[in-house]
Protein backbone atom coordinates (compact mmCIF):
# COMPACT_ATOMS: atom_id res chain seq x y z
CA MET A 1 41.26 54.41 -92.61
CA TRP A 2 43.67 53.82 -95.48
CA ALA A 3 46.96 55.69 -95.58
CA TYR A 4 48.94 56.04 -98.79
CA ARG A 5 52.45 57.41 -98.96
CA ARG A 6 54.61 58.23 -101.93
CA LEU A 7 58.37 58.19 -101.35
CA ALA A 8 59.45 60.02 -104.50
CA VAL A 9 57.01 62.87 -103.82
CA PRO A 10 56.47 63.87 -100.17
CA LEU A 11 52.73 63.21 -100.20
CA ASN A 12 50.43 61.44 -97.73
CA VAL A 13 46.81 60.63 -98.49
CA PHE A 14 44.30 59.42 -95.91
CA ASP A 15 41.15 57.75 -97.23
CA PHE A 16 38.28 56.75 -94.93
CA THR A 17 36.10 53.76 -95.80
CA VAL A 18 33.15 52.42 -93.85
CA SER A 19 34.48 48.86 -93.71
CA ARG A 20 37.79 47.02 -93.73
CA HIS A 21 36.94 45.49 -97.10
CA ARG A 22 39.54 45.97 -99.80
CA ASP A 23 37.29 48.09 -102.04
CA GLY A 24 38.80 51.37 -100.85
CA ALA A 25 42.38 50.39 -101.63
CA ASP A 26 41.33 48.51 -104.75
CA GLU A 27 39.66 51.56 -106.27
CA PHE A 28 42.38 53.98 -105.19
CA LEU A 29 45.39 51.90 -106.27
CA VAL A 30 44.23 49.73 -109.16
CA ASP A 31 42.03 52.27 -110.91
CA SER A 32 44.77 54.91 -110.72
CA LYS A 33 47.27 52.50 -112.37
CA PHE A 34 49.57 52.54 -109.31
CA THR A 35 52.70 50.42 -109.58
CA GLY A 36 54.56 49.41 -106.43
CA LYS A 37 54.18 47.61 -103.11
CA LEU A 38 51.15 47.30 -100.86
CA LEU A 39 52.18 46.88 -97.22
CA ALA A 40 49.34 45.10 -95.44
CA ASP A 41 48.51 42.34 -93.02
CA CYS A 42 47.76 38.83 -94.28
CA TYR A 43 44.04 39.40 -94.81
CA SER A 44 43.25 37.27 -97.88
CA GLY A 45 41.08 40.00 -99.40
CA TYR A 46 44.18 41.93 -100.44
CA GLN A 47 45.17 39.19 -102.88
CA GLY A 48 42.47 40.47 -105.23
CA ILE A 49 44.25 43.81 -105.51
CA THR A 50 47.39 42.10 -106.79
CA LEU A 51 45.39 39.97 -109.21
CA ARG A 52 43.30 42.84 -110.57
CA SER A 53 46.40 45.00 -111.05
CA ASP A 54 48.01 42.43 -113.41
CA SER A 55 50.88 42.15 -110.88
CA ARG A 56 51.73 45.89 -111.05
CA ILE A 57 51.05 45.92 -107.30
CA GLU A 58 53.07 43.54 -105.15
CA ARG A 59 51.96 42.64 -101.62
CA ALA A 60 54.49 43.07 -98.84
CA ALA A 61 53.97 41.52 -95.41
CA CYS A 62 53.72 43.57 -92.26
CA HIS A 63 56.83 42.95 -90.15
CA ALA A 64 54.95 43.55 -86.88
CA HIS A 65 52.66 40.60 -87.58
CA ALA A 66 55.55 38.33 -88.58
CA ARG A 67 57.59 39.30 -85.50
CA ARG A 68 54.67 38.71 -83.16
CA LYS A 69 54.10 35.20 -84.54
CA SER A 70 57.84 34.43 -84.27
CA CYS A 71 57.85 35.49 -80.62
CA GLU A 72 54.77 33.36 -79.90
CA ALA A 73 56.40 30.34 -81.55
CA ARG A 74 59.61 30.85 -79.56
CA ASN A 75 57.68 30.91 -76.30
CA ASN A 76 55.74 27.76 -77.23
CA HIS A 77 58.70 25.85 -78.67
CA PRO A 78 61.95 27.02 -77.04
């Protein structure tokens, strides 16, 4: 399930795809000429969206993933 949200216009779109592959977001964002940030985990497949968009779309990291890894590192290396 992909969720898209526009801040300037109060609009939410939910798009179901059969797999986690980036094709759903790629078609929705790149083909519609979207410009902005894509908040996603570090799955390498999302890099193709940035490349295909000619850098109109910028990837932003998910803070929950970063925080979890920081907590794990702190516990392993106090």
